[in-house]
Amino acid sequence: MTTQQLYEANFSSIFRYFYYKDLSKEEAEDLTQETFLRFYRGYAVQDRSETECRKILFGIAKNLLKGWFTEQSHRSSIELRDDFPIPLEPNILNSDQAEECLEEQLPLLKEAIAKLNPTLRTVITLRFVEGMTRQEVAQKLGTKEKYVHIYQQRAIKALRKIVGSSVSPRACK
């Protein structure tokens, strides 16, 4: 198998691997190219079967993706929007008092979230602002679902410490 054949046979699979992990098209292309570059620098194509080459390519891709998400979580701080949604319980949806209470608490909650470490802030934002499941957050961050649960619990505990337990809509009834 030649280098060109390997590239043509696996490019779309590697690209899709990155693209479906919620990366932009450009980021997916960059990471796909980097995957092949690292493979060509470190491994001889002629000495390996197509299956073995593919296995190595996906191993490189997985490690690149982990590194990319780690870098992103350290690099960016999540900017909270003014329209920060807070899920409401069905029994208080029509309550003017509850809306007023939430409006008062929103700046306090935003400030408290900003004080969390980057990992906890990212998990809380993805789970409750973006509405992702634990499994989706784990995939996005390249970690296990149980760690997302742990980070979420730590973040909630830290938020309670920072602002107290009155942040809950139940406290405004």
N, C-alpha and C. Protein backbone atom coordinates (compact mmCIF):
# COMPACT_ATOMS: atom_id res chain seq x y z
N MET A 1 0.85 -1.18 0.00
CA MET A 1 0.00 0.00 0.00
C MET A 1 0.89 1.24 0.00
N THR A 2 0.60 2.17 -0.88
CA THR A 2 1.40 3.40 -0.96
C THR A 2 0.82 4.44 -0.01
N THR A 3 1.59 5.48 0.19
CA THR A 3 1.17 6.58 1.04
C THR A 3 -0.10 7.22 0.48
N GLN A 4 -0.13 7.42 -0.82
CA GLN A 4 -1.30 8.02 -1.47
C GLN A 4 -2.54 7.15 -1.30
N GLN A 5 -2.39 5.86 -1.46
CA GLN A 5 -3.53 4.95 -1.30
C GLN A 5 -4.06 4.98 0.14
N LEU A 6 -3.14 5.00 1.09
CA LEU A 6 -3.53 5.07 2.49
C LEU A 6 -4.32 6.35 2.76
N TYR A 7 -3.83 7.45 2.24
CA TYR A 7 -4.48 8.75 2.42
C TYR A 7 -5.88 8.73 1.82
N GLU A 8 -5.99 8.28 0.59
CA GLU A 8 -7.28 8.26 -0.10
C GLU A 8 -8.28 7.31 0.57
N ALA A 9 -7.79 6.21 1.08
CA ALA A 9 -8.67 5.22 1.70
C ALA A 9 -9.17 5.65 3.08
N ASN A 10 -8.42 6.52 3.76
CA ASN A 10 -8.76 6.83 5.15
C ASN A 10 -9.08 8.29 5.43
N PHE A 11 -8.85 9.18 4.49
CA PHE A 11 -9.06 10.60 4.75
C PHE A 11 -10.48 10.89 5.23
N SER A 12 -11.47 10.42 4.49
CA SER A 12 -12.86 10.76 4.84
C SER A 12 -13.26 10.18 6.20
N SER A 13 -12.78 9.01 6.53
CA SER A 13 -13.11 8.41 7.84
C SER A 13 -12.52 9.22 8.99
N ILE A 14 -11.27 9.60 8.83
CA ILE A 14 -10.60 10.39 9.88
C ILE A 14 -11.26 11.77 9.98
N PHE A 15 -11.55 12.38 8.84
CA PHE A 15 -12.20 13.69 8.84
C PHE A 15 -13.55 13.61 9.57
N ARG A 16 -14.35 12.61 9.23
CA ARG A 16 -15.66 12.45 9.88
C ARG A 16 -15.50 12.23 11.38
N TYR A 17 -14.49 11.50 11.78
CA TYR A 17 -14.24 11.27 13.21
C TYR A 17 -14.12 12.61 13.94
N PHE A 18 -13.34 13.53 13.36
CA PHE A 18 -13.18 14.84 13.99
C PHE A 18 -14.43 15.70 13.84
N TYR A 19 -14.98 15.71 12.65
CA TYR A 19 -16.10 16.60 12.35
C TYR A 19 -17.32 16.29 13.23
N TYR A 20 -17.57 15.02 13.49
CA TYR A 20 -18.73 14.66 14.29
C TYR A 20 -18.48 14.79 15.79
N LYS A 21 -17.33 15.27 16.15
CA LYS A 21 -17.06 15.56 17.56
C LYS A 21 -17.29 17.05 17.83
N ASP A 22 -18.14 17.66 17.02
CA ASP A 22 -18.53 19.07 17.16
C ASP A 22 -17.41 20.05 16.85
N LEU A 23 -16.51 19.68 15.97
CA LEU A 23 -15.49 20.61 15.52
C LEU A 23 -15.96 21.27 14.24
N SER A 24 -15.43 22.45 13.97
CA SER A 24 -15.77 23.10 12.71
C SER A 24 -15.10 22.34 11.57
N LYS A 25 -15.53 22.61 10.37
CA LYS A 25 -14.97 21.94 9.20
C LYS A 25 -13.46 22.21 9.11
N GLU A 26 -13.07 23.45 9.35
CA GLU A 26 -11.66 23.83 9.28
C GLU A 26 -10.83 23.12 10.34
N GLU A 27 -11.35 23.06 11.57
CA GLU A 27 -10.63 22.37 12.65
C GLU A 27 -10.51 20.88 12.34
N ALA A 28 -11.58 20.30 11.82
CA ALA A 28 -11.56 18.87 11.46
C ALA A 28 -10.53 18.61 10.36
N GLU A 29 -10.47 19.49 9.37
CA GLU A 29 -9.48 19.33 8.29
C GLU A 29 -8.06 19.45 8.83
N ASP A 30 -7.84 20.44 9.70
CA ASP A 30 -6.50 20.63 10.27
C ASP A 30 -6.06 19.41 11.07
N LEU A 31 -6.94 18.91 11.91
CA LEU A 31 -6.59 17.74 12.72
C LEU A 31 -6.43 16.49 11.87
N THR A 32 -7.19 16.38 10.80
CA THR A 32 -7.04 15.25 9.88
C THR A 32 -5.66 15.29 9.23
N GLN A 33 -5.27 16.47 8.76
CA GLN A 33 -3.95 16.62 8.14
C GLN A 33 -2.84 16.32 9.14
N GLU A 34 -3.02 16.81 10.36
CA GLU A 34 -2.01 16.56 11.39
C GLU A 34 -1.91 15.07 11.70
N THR A 35 -3.02 14.36 11.68
CA THR A 35 -3.03 12.92 11.91
C THR A 35 -2.16 12.21 10.88
N PHE A 36 -2.36 12.54 9.61
CA PHE A 36 -1.58 11.90 8.55
C PHE A 36 -0.11 12.30 8.62
N LEU A 37 0.16 13.56 8.94
CA LEU A 37 1.56 13.99 9.07
C LEU A 37 2.28 13.20 10.17
N ARG A 38 1.64 13.07 11.30
CA ARG A 38 2.26 12.32 12.40
C ARG A 38 2.45 10.85 12.04
N PHE A 39 1.49 10.31 11.33
CA PHE A 39 1.62 8.92 10.89
C PHE A 39 2.82 8.77 9.96
N TYR A 40 2.92 9.64 8.98
CA TYR A 40 4.00 9.54 7.99
C TYR A 40 5.37 9.77 8.62
N ARG A 41 5.43 10.62 9.63
CA ARG A 41 6.71 10.88 10.31
C ARG A 41 7.15 9.71 11.18
N GLY A 42 6.18 8.99 11.73
CA GLY A 42 6.53 7.98 12.71
C GLY A 42 6.42 6.53 12.28
N TYR A 43 5.77 6.28 11.15
CA TYR A 43 5.52 4.89 10.78
C TYR A 43 5.79 4.67 9.29
N ALA A 44 6.29 3.49 8.98
CA ALA A 44 6.52 3.11 7.58
C ALA A 44 5.27 2.42 7.06
N VAL A 45 4.71 2.96 5.99
CA VAL A 45 3.48 2.42 5.42
C VAL A 45 3.71 1.04 4.82
N GLN A 46 4.83 0.85 4.16
CA GLN A 46 5.09 -0.40 3.44
C GLN A 46 5.16 -1.61 4.36
N ASP A 47 5.55 -1.42 5.59
CA ASP A 47 5.74 -2.54 6.51
C ASP A 47 4.46 -2.99 7.21
N ARG A 48 3.34 -2.34 6.92
CA ARG A 48 2.12 -2.61 7.69
C ARG A 48 0.94 -2.93 6.78
N SER A 49 -0.01 -3.66 7.34
CA SER A 49 -1.24 -3.97 6.60
C SER A 49 -2.16 -2.74 6.65
N GLU A 50 -3.16 -2.75 5.80
CA GLU A 50 -4.10 -1.63 5.77
C GLU A 50 -4.84 -1.50 7.10
N THR A 51 -5.22 -2.62 7.68
CA THR A 51 -5.93 -2.62 8.96
C THR A 51 -5.06 -2.05 10.07
N GLU A 52 -3.80 -2.44 10.09
CA GLU A 52 -2.88 -1.94 11.10
C GLU A 52 -2.66 -0.44 10.93
N CYS A 53 -2.51 0.01 9.70
CA CYS A 53 -2.34 1.44 9.43
C CYS A 53 -3.56 2.23 9.91
N ARG A 54 -4.72 1.69 9.63
CA ARG A 54 -5.97 2.37 10.03
C ARG A 54 -6.08 2.45 11.55
N LYS A 55 -5.70 1.39 12.22
CA LYS A 55 -5.72 1.36 13.68
C LYS A 55 -4.79 2.43 14.25
N ILE A 56 -3.61 2.54 13.68
CA ILE A 56 -2.63 3.53 14.12
C ILE A 56 -3.16 4.94 13.85
N LEU A 57 -3.73 5.15 12.67
CA LEU A 57 -4.29 6.47 12.32
C LEU A 57 -5.36 6.90 13.32
N PHE A 58 -6.26 6.00 13.66
CA PHE A 58 -7.32 6.37 14.61
C PHE A 58 -6.77 6.56 16.02
N GLY A 59 -5.71 5.85 16.37
CA GLY A 59 -5.06 6.09 17.66
C GLY A 59 -4.46 7.48 17.72
N ILE A 60 -3.80 7.87 16.64
CA ILE A 60 -3.23 9.22 16.56
C ILE A 60 -4.35 10.25 16.61
N ALA A 61 -5.42 10.01 15.86
CA ALA A 61 -6.56 10.94 15.83
C ALA A 61 -7.17 11.11 17.22
N LYS A 62 -7.32 10.02 17.93
CA LYS A 62 -7.90 10.07 19.28
C LYS A 62 -7.03 10.92 20.20
N ASN A 63 -5.71 10.70 20.14
CA ASN A 63 -4.80 11.48 20.98
C ASN A 63 -4.79 12.95 20.59
N LEU A 64 -4.85 13.23 19.30
CA LEU A 64 -4.91 14.63 18.85
C LEU A 64 -6.18 15.30 19.36
N LEU A 65 -7.29 14.59 19.30
CA LEU A 65 -8.56 15.15 19.76
C LEU A 65 -8.53 15.44 21.26
N LYS A 66 -7.98 14.51 22.02
CA LYS A 66 -7.85 14.74 23.46
C LYS A 66 -7.02 15.99 23.72
N GLY A 67 -5.89 16.08 23.03
CA GLY A 67 -5.02 17.25 23.19
C GLY A 67 -5.72 18.53 22.78
N TRP A 68 -6.49 18.47 21.71
CA TRP A 68 -7.19 19.65 21.23
C TRP A 68 -8.21 20.13 22.27
N PHE A 69 -9.01 19.19 22.83
CA PHE A 69 -9.99 19.58 23.83
C PHE A 69 -9.32 20.09 25.10
N THR A 70 -8.23 19.48 25.49
CA THR A 70 -7.50 19.95 26.67
C THR A 70 -7.00 21.36 26.45
N GLU A 71 -6.42 21.59 25.30
CA GLU A 71 -5.91 22.92 24.96
C GLU A 71 -7.04 23.95 24.95
N GLN A 72 -8.18 23.58 24.39
CA GLN A 72 -9.32 24.50 24.33
C GLN A 72 -9.84 24.83 25.72
N SER A 73 -9.89 23.84 26.59
CA SER A 73 -10.41 24.10 27.93
C SER A 73 -9.47 24.98 28.73
N HIS A 74 -8.17 24.91 28.45
CA HIS A 74 -7.22 25.77 29.15
C HIS A 74 -7.16 27.15 28.52
N ARG A 75 -7.34 27.20 27.21
CA ARG A 75 -7.18 28.44 26.48
C ARG A 75 -8.37 29.37 26.64
N SER A 76 -9.55 28.85 26.48
CA SER A 76 -10.71 29.73 26.43
C SER A 76 -11.43 29.78 27.76
N SER A 77 -11.91 30.95 28.04
CA SER A 77 -12.81 31.05 29.17
C SER A 77 -14.19 31.20 28.56
N ILE A 78 -15.12 30.58 29.16
CA ILE A 78 -16.47 30.59 28.60
C ILE A 78 -17.14 31.90 28.95
N GLU A 79 -17.63 32.56 27.93
CA GLU A 79 -18.31 33.83 28.13
C GLU A 79 -19.79 33.55 28.31
N LEU A 80 -20.33 33.97 29.42
CA LEU A 80 -21.74 33.74 29.67
C LEU A 80 -22.56 34.83 29.00
N ARG A 81 -23.61 34.42 28.36
CA ARG A 81 -24.45 35.37 27.64
C ARG A 81 -25.42 36.04 28.61
N ASP A 82 -25.97 37.17 28.15
CA ASP A 82 -26.99 37.84 28.95
C ASP A 82 -28.29 37.06 29.00
N ASP A 83 -28.52 36.25 27.96
CA ASP A 83 -29.74 35.46 27.92
C ASP A 83 -29.54 34.08 28.54
N PHE A 84 -28.70 34.01 29.55
CA PHE A 84 -28.35 32.79 30.26
C PHE A 84 -29.63 32.09 30.71
N PRO A 85 -29.96 30.93 30.12
CA PRO A 85 -31.22 30.27 30.47
C PRO A 85 -31.11 29.47 31.76
N ILE A 86 -32.09 29.60 32.59
CA ILE A 86 -32.15 28.80 33.80
C ILE A 86 -33.40 27.94 33.70
N PRO A 87 -33.25 26.62 33.74
CA PRO A 87 -34.42 25.76 33.63
C PRO A 87 -35.38 26.00 34.79
N LEU A 88 -36.62 26.13 34.47
CA LEU A 88 -37.63 26.37 35.50
C LEU A 88 -38.46 25.12 35.72
N GLU A 89 -38.94 24.96 36.92
CA GLU A 89 -39.83 23.86 37.21
C GLU A 89 -41.20 24.20 36.62
N PRO A 90 -41.93 23.22 36.12
CA PRO A 90 -43.22 23.49 35.48
C PRO A 90 -44.21 24.24 36.38
N ASN A 91 -44.19 23.98 37.68
CA ASN A 91 -45.18 24.60 38.56
C ASN A 91 -44.91 26.08 38.84
N ILE A 92 -43.79 26.62 38.43
CA ILE A 92 -43.54 28.04 38.66
C ILE A 92 -43.33 28.81 37.37
N LEU A 93 -43.58 28.19 36.23
CA LEU A 93 -43.36 28.85 34.95
C LEU A 93 -44.16 30.14 34.80
N ASN A 94 -45.37 30.20 35.30
CA ASN A 94 -46.22 31.37 35.12
C ASN A 94 -46.15 32.33 36.30
N SER A 95 -45.28 32.09 37.19
CA SER A 95 -45.21 32.91 38.39
C SER A 95 -44.34 34.15 38.15
N ASP A 96 -44.95 35.33 38.28
CA ASP A 96 -44.20 36.59 38.12
C ASP A 96 -43.15 36.71 39.22
N GLN A 97 -43.50 36.25 40.40
CA GLN A 97 -42.57 36.31 41.52
C GLN A 97 -41.32 35.48 41.24
N ALA A 98 -41.50 34.31 40.64
CA ALA A 98 -40.36 33.45 40.32
C ALA A 98 -39.47 34.11 39.27
N GLU A 99 -40.08 34.71 38.25
CA GLU A 99 -39.28 35.40 37.22
C GLU A 99 -38.48 36.53 37.82
N GLU A 100 -39.12 37.29 38.69
CA GLU A 100 -38.45 38.41 39.34
C GLU A 100 -37.28 37.91 40.19
N CYS A 101 -37.51 36.84 40.90
CA CYS A 101 -36.47 36.25 41.74
C CYS A 101 -35.29 35.77 40.90
N LEU A 102 -35.59 35.11 39.77
CA LEU A 102 -34.53 34.62 38.90
C LEU A 102 -33.73 35.77 38.29
N GLU A 103 -34.42 36.85 37.93
CA GLU A 103 -33.72 38.01 37.38
C GLU A 103 -32.74 38.59 38.39
N GLU A 104 -33.13 38.59 39.66
CA GLU A 104 -32.26 39.09 40.71
C GLU A 104 -31.05 38.17 40.92
N GLN A 105 -31.27 36.87 40.79
CA GLN A 105 -30.21 35.90 41.06
C GLN A 105 -29.26 35.69 39.89
N LEU A 106 -29.68 36.01 38.69
CA LEU A 106 -28.88 35.74 37.50
C LEU A 106 -27.49 36.36 37.55
N PRO A 107 -27.34 37.65 37.87
CA PRO A 107 -25.98 38.21 37.93
C PRO A 107 -25.10 37.52 38.98
N LEU A 108 -25.70 37.18 40.11
CA LEU A 108 -24.97 36.48 41.16
C LEU A 108 -24.50 35.11 40.68
N LEU A 109 -25.37 34.40 39.99
CA LEU A 109 -25.03 33.08 39.47
C LEU A 109 -23.94 33.18 38.40
N LYS A 110 -24.04 34.14 37.50
CA LYS A 110 -23.02 34.33 36.46
C LYS A 110 -21.65 34.62 37.09
N GLU A 111 -21.66 35.48 38.09
CA GLU A 111 -20.42 35.83 38.77
C GLU A 111 -19.82 34.60 39.47
N ALA A 112 -20.66 33.81 40.09
CA ALA A 112 -20.19 32.60 40.78
C ALA A 112 -19.61 31.60 39.79
N ILE A 113 -20.25 31.41 38.65
CA ILE A 113 -19.75 30.48 37.64
C ILE A 113 -18.39 30.94 37.12
N ALA A 114 -18.23 32.24 36.96
CA ALA A 114 -16.96 32.78 36.48
C ALA A 114 -15.81 32.50 37.45
N LYS A 115 -16.13 32.29 38.73
CA LYS A 115 -15.10 32.02 39.74
C LYS A 115 -14.64 30.56 39.76
N LEU A 116 -15.39 29.68 39.12
CA LEU A 116 -15.02 28.27 39.10
C LEU A 116 -13.76 28.05 38.27
N ASN A 117 -13.05 26.95 38.54
CA ASN A 117 -11.89 26.64 37.71
C ASN A 117 -12.38 26.28 36.30
N PRO A 118 -11.51 26.37 35.29
CA PRO A 118 -11.96 26.19 33.90
C PRO A 118 -12.68 24.87 33.63
N THR A 119 -12.24 23.79 34.22
CA THR A 119 -12.88 22.50 33.97
C THR A 119 -14.30 22.48 34.51
N LEU A 120 -14.47 22.90 35.75
CA LEU A 120 -15.81 22.91 36.36
C LEU A 120 -16.72 23.88 35.62
N ARG A 121 -16.19 25.04 35.27
CA ARG A 121 -16.97 26.04 34.54
C ARG A 121 -17.44 25.48 33.19
N THR A 122 -16.55 24.78 32.51
CA THR A 122 -16.90 24.20 31.21
C THR A 122 -17.99 23.16 31.37
N VAL A 123 -17.85 22.27 32.35
CA VAL A 123 -18.85 21.21 32.55
C VAL A 123 -20.21 21.82 32.90
N ILE A 124 -20.24 22.76 33.82
CA ILE A 124 -21.51 23.39 34.22
C ILE A 124 -22.15 24.10 33.03
N THR A 125 -21.35 24.80 32.27
CA THR A 125 -21.90 25.53 31.12
C THR A 125 -22.44 24.59 30.06
N LEU A 126 -21.69 23.54 29.76
CA LEU A 126 -22.16 22.58 28.76
C LEU A 126 -23.42 21.85 29.22
N ARG A 127 -23.45 21.49 30.50
CA ARG A 127 -24.59 20.73 31.01
C ARG A 127 -25.85 21.59 31.13
N PHE A 128 -25.73 22.77 31.73
CA PHE A 128 -26.92 23.53 32.08
C PHE A 128 -27.22 24.70 31.16
N VAL A 129 -26.22 25.28 30.54
CA VAL A 129 -26.47 26.37 29.60
C VAL A 129 -26.74 25.81 28.21
N GLU A 130 -25.87 24.90 27.77
CA GLU A 130 -26.03 24.30 26.45
C GLU A 130 -27.01 23.13 26.45
N GLY A 131 -27.31 22.60 27.63
CA GLY A 131 -28.30 21.52 27.74
C GLY A 131 -27.81 20.16 27.28
N MET A 132 -26.51 19.94 27.31
CA MET A 132 -25.96 18.65 26.87
C MET A 132 -26.14 17.58 27.95
N THR A 133 -26.18 16.34 27.53
CA THR A 133 -26.22 15.23 28.48
C THR A 133 -24.80 14.99 28.99
N ARG A 134 -24.69 14.20 30.06
CA ARG A 134 -23.35 13.86 30.56
C ARG A 134 -22.53 13.16 29.50
N GLN A 135 -23.18 12.27 28.76
CA GLN A 135 -22.48 11.53 27.72
C GLN A 135 -21.95 12.47 26.64
N GLU A 136 -22.75 13.45 26.23
CA GLU A 136 -22.32 14.41 25.21
C GLU A 136 -21.15 15.25 25.72
N VAL A 137 -21.23 15.68 26.97
CA VAL A 137 -20.15 16.47 27.55
C VAL A 137 -18.87 15.63 27.61
N ALA A 138 -19.00 14.39 28.02
CA ALA A 138 -17.83 13.50 28.09
C ALA A 138 -17.19 13.35 26.72
N GLN A 139 -17.99 13.16 25.70
CA GLN A 139 -17.44 13.05 24.34
C GLN A 139 -16.76 14.34 23.93
N LYS A 140 -17.38 15.45 24.21
CA LYS A 140 -16.83 16.75 23.81
C LYS A 140 -15.50 17.02 24.51
N LEU A 141 -15.40 16.63 25.77
CA LEU A 141 -14.18 16.89 26.54
C LEU A 141 -13.16 15.75 26.44
N GLY A 142 -13.55 14.66 25.83
CA GLY A 142 -12.64 13.53 25.70
C GLY A 142 -12.35 12.85 27.02
N THR A 143 -13.38 12.73 27.85
CA THR A 143 -13.21 12.10 29.15
C THR A 143 -14.35 11.10 29.37
N LYS A 144 -14.37 10.48 30.53
CA LYS A 144 -15.41 9.50 30.84
C LYS A 144 -16.62 10.19 31.46
N GLU A 145 -17.76 9.57 31.26
CA GLU A 145 -19.02 10.12 31.76
C GLU A 145 -19.00 10.26 33.29
N LYS A 146 -18.37 9.31 33.97
CA LYS A 146 -18.34 9.37 35.44
C LYS A 146 -17.56 10.60 35.92
N TYR A 147 -16.54 11.02 35.16
CA TYR A 147 -15.78 12.21 35.54
C TYR A 147 -16.61 13.47 35.33
N VAL A 148 -17.44 13.48 34.30
CA VAL A 148 -18.33 14.62 34.08
C VAL A 148 -19.27 14.74 35.27
N HIS A 149 -19.80 13.61 35.74
CA HIS A 149 -20.69 13.62 36.90
C HIS A 149 -19.95 14.17 38.14
N ILE A 150 -18.74 13.73 38.34
CA ILE A 150 -17.94 14.19 39.48
C ILE A 150 -17.69 15.69 39.37
N TYR A 151 -17.27 16.15 38.18
CA TYR A 151 -17.02 17.59 37.97
C TYR A 151 -18.30 18.40 38.20
N GLN A 152 -19.42 17.87 37.73
CA GLN A 152 -20.69 18.56 37.89
C GLN A 152 -21.02 18.71 39.38
N GLN A 153 -20.87 17.63 40.14
CA GLN A 153 -21.17 17.68 41.57
C GLN A 153 -20.24 18.65 42.30
N ARG A 154 -18.96 18.63 41.93
CA ARG A 154 -18.01 19.56 42.55
C ARG A 154 -18.36 21.01 42.22
N ALA A 155 -18.77 21.24 40.99
CA ALA A 155 -19.13 22.60 40.57
C ALA A 155 -20.37 23.08 41.33
N ILE A 156 -21.36 22.23 41.46
CA ILE A 156 -22.58 22.61 42.18
C ILE A 156 -22.26 22.89 43.64
N LYS A 157 -21.42 22.05 44.22
CA LYS A 157 -21.02 22.26 45.62
C LYS A 157 -20.27 23.59 45.77
N ALA A 158 -19.37 23.86 44.83
CA ALA A 158 -18.62 25.12 44.87
C ALA A 158 -19.54 26.32 44.68
N LEU A 159 -20.50 26.20 43.78
CA LEU A 159 -21.45 27.30 43.55
C LEU A 159 -22.30 27.55 44.80
N ARG A 160 -22.70 26.48 45.46
CA ARG A 160 -23.48 26.65 46.69
C ARG A 160 -22.67 27.37 47.75
N LYS A 161 -21.39 27.04 47.82
CA LYS A 161 -20.50 27.70 48.77
C LYS A 161 -20.36 29.18 48.45
N ILE A 162 -20.22 29.47 47.16
CA ILE A 162 -20.00 30.86 46.73
C ILE A 162 -21.26 31.71 46.95
N VAL A 163 -22.42 31.22 46.54
CA VAL A 163 -23.63 32.05 46.59
C VAL A 163 -24.66 31.58 47.60
N GLY A 164 -24.46 30.45 48.20
CA GLY A 164 -25.44 29.92 49.13
C GLY A 164 -26.50 29.12 48.41
N SER A 165 -27.36 28.48 49.14
CA SER A 165 -28.36 27.60 48.53
C SER A 165 -29.57 28.36 48.00
N SER A 166 -29.61 29.67 48.14
CA SER A 166 -30.78 30.44 47.70
C SER A 166 -30.85 30.65 46.20
N VAL A 167 -29.90 30.13 45.43
CA VAL A 167 -29.92 30.28 43.97
C VAL A 167 -31.05 29.49 43.34
N SER A 168 -31.47 28.43 43.97
CA SER A 168 -32.52 27.58 43.41
C SER A 168 -33.83 28.34 43.29
N PRO A 169 -34.57 28.14 42.18
CA PRO A 169 -35.87 28.78 42.04
C PRO A 169 -36.83 28.41 43.17
N ARG A 170 -36.64 27.26 43.79
CA ARG A 170 -37.51 26.83 44.89
C ARG A 170 -37.41 27.79 46.07
N ALA A 171 -36.25 28.45 46.22
CA ALA A 171 -36.05 29.35 47.35
C ALA A 171 -36.86 30.63 47.19
N CYS A 172 -37.39 30.91 46.03
CA CYS A 172 -38.11 32.15 45.77
C CYS A 172 -39.61 32.02 45.93
N LYS A 173 -40.11 30.85 46.25
CA LYS A 173 -41.57 30.64 46.33
C LYS A 173 -42.18 31.43 47.45
